[in-house]
Amino acid sequence: MNSKEELPTELKDAVSWRFVVNGERCVKCGACAMDCPVQIIVEEPQQFFIGSGCIGCGDCYEICPVGAIERIKVDRD
């Protein structure tokens, strides 16, 4: 499923995603920051950092050319 497609309501209510940058893989190209719709990804000295205002859309995850964005499943209870 493409991140831009709408998830069914029952899935939205059950699962959420958190995205983090793997510093060992990040090549600091900035593609994730440029593609972020809420501009919450910032450059730190060694890598990019996804801030707490992330909406979980997954655009950064999909655009990263080296797979440095990791997706972590977070259950909503």
Protein backbone atom coordinates (compact mmCIF):
# COMPACT_ATOMS: atom_id res chain seq x y z
CA MET A 1 0.00 0.00 0.00
CA ASN A 2 1.32 3.43 -0.89
CA SER A 3 1.60 5.80 2.10
CA LYS A 4 -0.51 8.36 0.28
CA GLU A 5 -3.47 5.94 0.12
CA GLU A 6 -6.02 6.12 2.91
CA LEU A 7 -5.94 3.27 5.43
CA PRO A 8 -9.21 1.68 6.53
CA THR A 9 -10.46 3.16 9.82
CA GLU A 10 -10.11 -0.10 11.73
CA LEU A 11 -6.40 -0.22 10.85
CA LYS A 12 -5.84 3.42 11.73
CA ASP A 13 -7.34 2.81 15.15
CA ALA A 14 -5.30 -0.33 15.82
CA VAL A 15 -1.80 0.48 14.58
CA SER A 16 0.43 3.50 14.32
CA TRP A 17 3.93 3.85 12.93
CA ARG A 18 6.90 5.68 14.33
CA PHE A 19 9.81 6.48 12.06
CA VAL A 20 13.44 6.88 13.10
CA VAL A 21 16.65 7.58 11.21
CA ASN A 22 19.34 4.92 11.36
CA GLY A 23 22.50 7.00 11.79
CA GLU A 24 24.76 4.25 10.47
CA ARG A 25 22.91 4.23 7.14
CA CYS A 26 22.06 7.93 6.78
CA VAL A 27 24.17 9.65 4.10
CA LYS A 28 22.69 13.09 4.89
CA CYS A 29 21.26 13.59 1.41
CA GLY A 30 18.24 15.46 2.83
CA ALA A 31 15.64 13.70 0.66
CA CYS A 32 13.55 12.85 3.74
CA ALA A 33 13.53 16.43 5.02
CA MET A 34 12.62 17.84 1.62
CA ASP A 35 9.72 15.38 1.21
CA CYS A 36 8.25 15.74 4.72
CA PRO A 37 4.79 17.36 4.47
CA VAL A 38 5.05 18.84 8.00
CA GLN A 39 8.75 19.77 7.78
CA ILE A 40 9.54 18.00 11.07
CA ILE A 41 12.79 16.35 9.94
CA VAL A 42 15.86 18.36 10.92
CA GLU A 43 19.57 17.97 10.32
CA GLU A 44 21.68 17.08 13.35
CA PRO A 45 25.50 16.95 13.31
CA GLN A 46 25.72 13.24 12.41
CA GLN A 47 22.35 12.50 10.78
CA PHE A 48 18.80 13.71 10.26
CA PHE A 49 16.31 13.52 13.14
CA ILE A 50 12.54 13.03 12.93
CA GLY A 51 10.87 15.27 15.52
CA SER A 52 7.95 14.53 17.80
CA GLY A 53 5.50 16.26 15.46
CA CYS A 54 5.76 13.41 12.95
CA ILE A 55 2.32 12.51 11.55
CA GLY A 56 3.39 8.99 10.54
CA CYS A 57 2.68 9.36 6.83
CA GLY A 58 5.75 7.35 5.79
CA ASP A 59 6.84 9.65 2.97
CA CYS A 60 10.39 9.77 4.40
CA TYR A 61 10.47 5.98 4.67
CA GLU A 62 9.54 5.58 1.03
CA ILE A 63 11.84 8.25 -0.41
CA CYS A 64 15.08 7.43 1.43
CA PRO A 65 17.50 6.13 -1.24
CA VAL A 66 19.60 4.11 1.24
CA GLY A 67 16.89 2.72 3.53
CA ALA A 68 18.02 4.74 6.55
CA ILE A 69 14.47 5.42 7.75
CA GLU A 70 13.22 2.62 9.98
CA ARG A 71 9.53 1.99 10.60
CA ILE A 72 8.53 0.87 14.08
CA LYS A 73 5.03 -0.46 14.76
CA VAL A 74 3.34 1.11 17.79
CA ASP A 75 0.12 -0.49 19.04
CA ARG A 76 -2.56 1.92 20.18
CA ASP A 77 -4.12 0.80 23.44
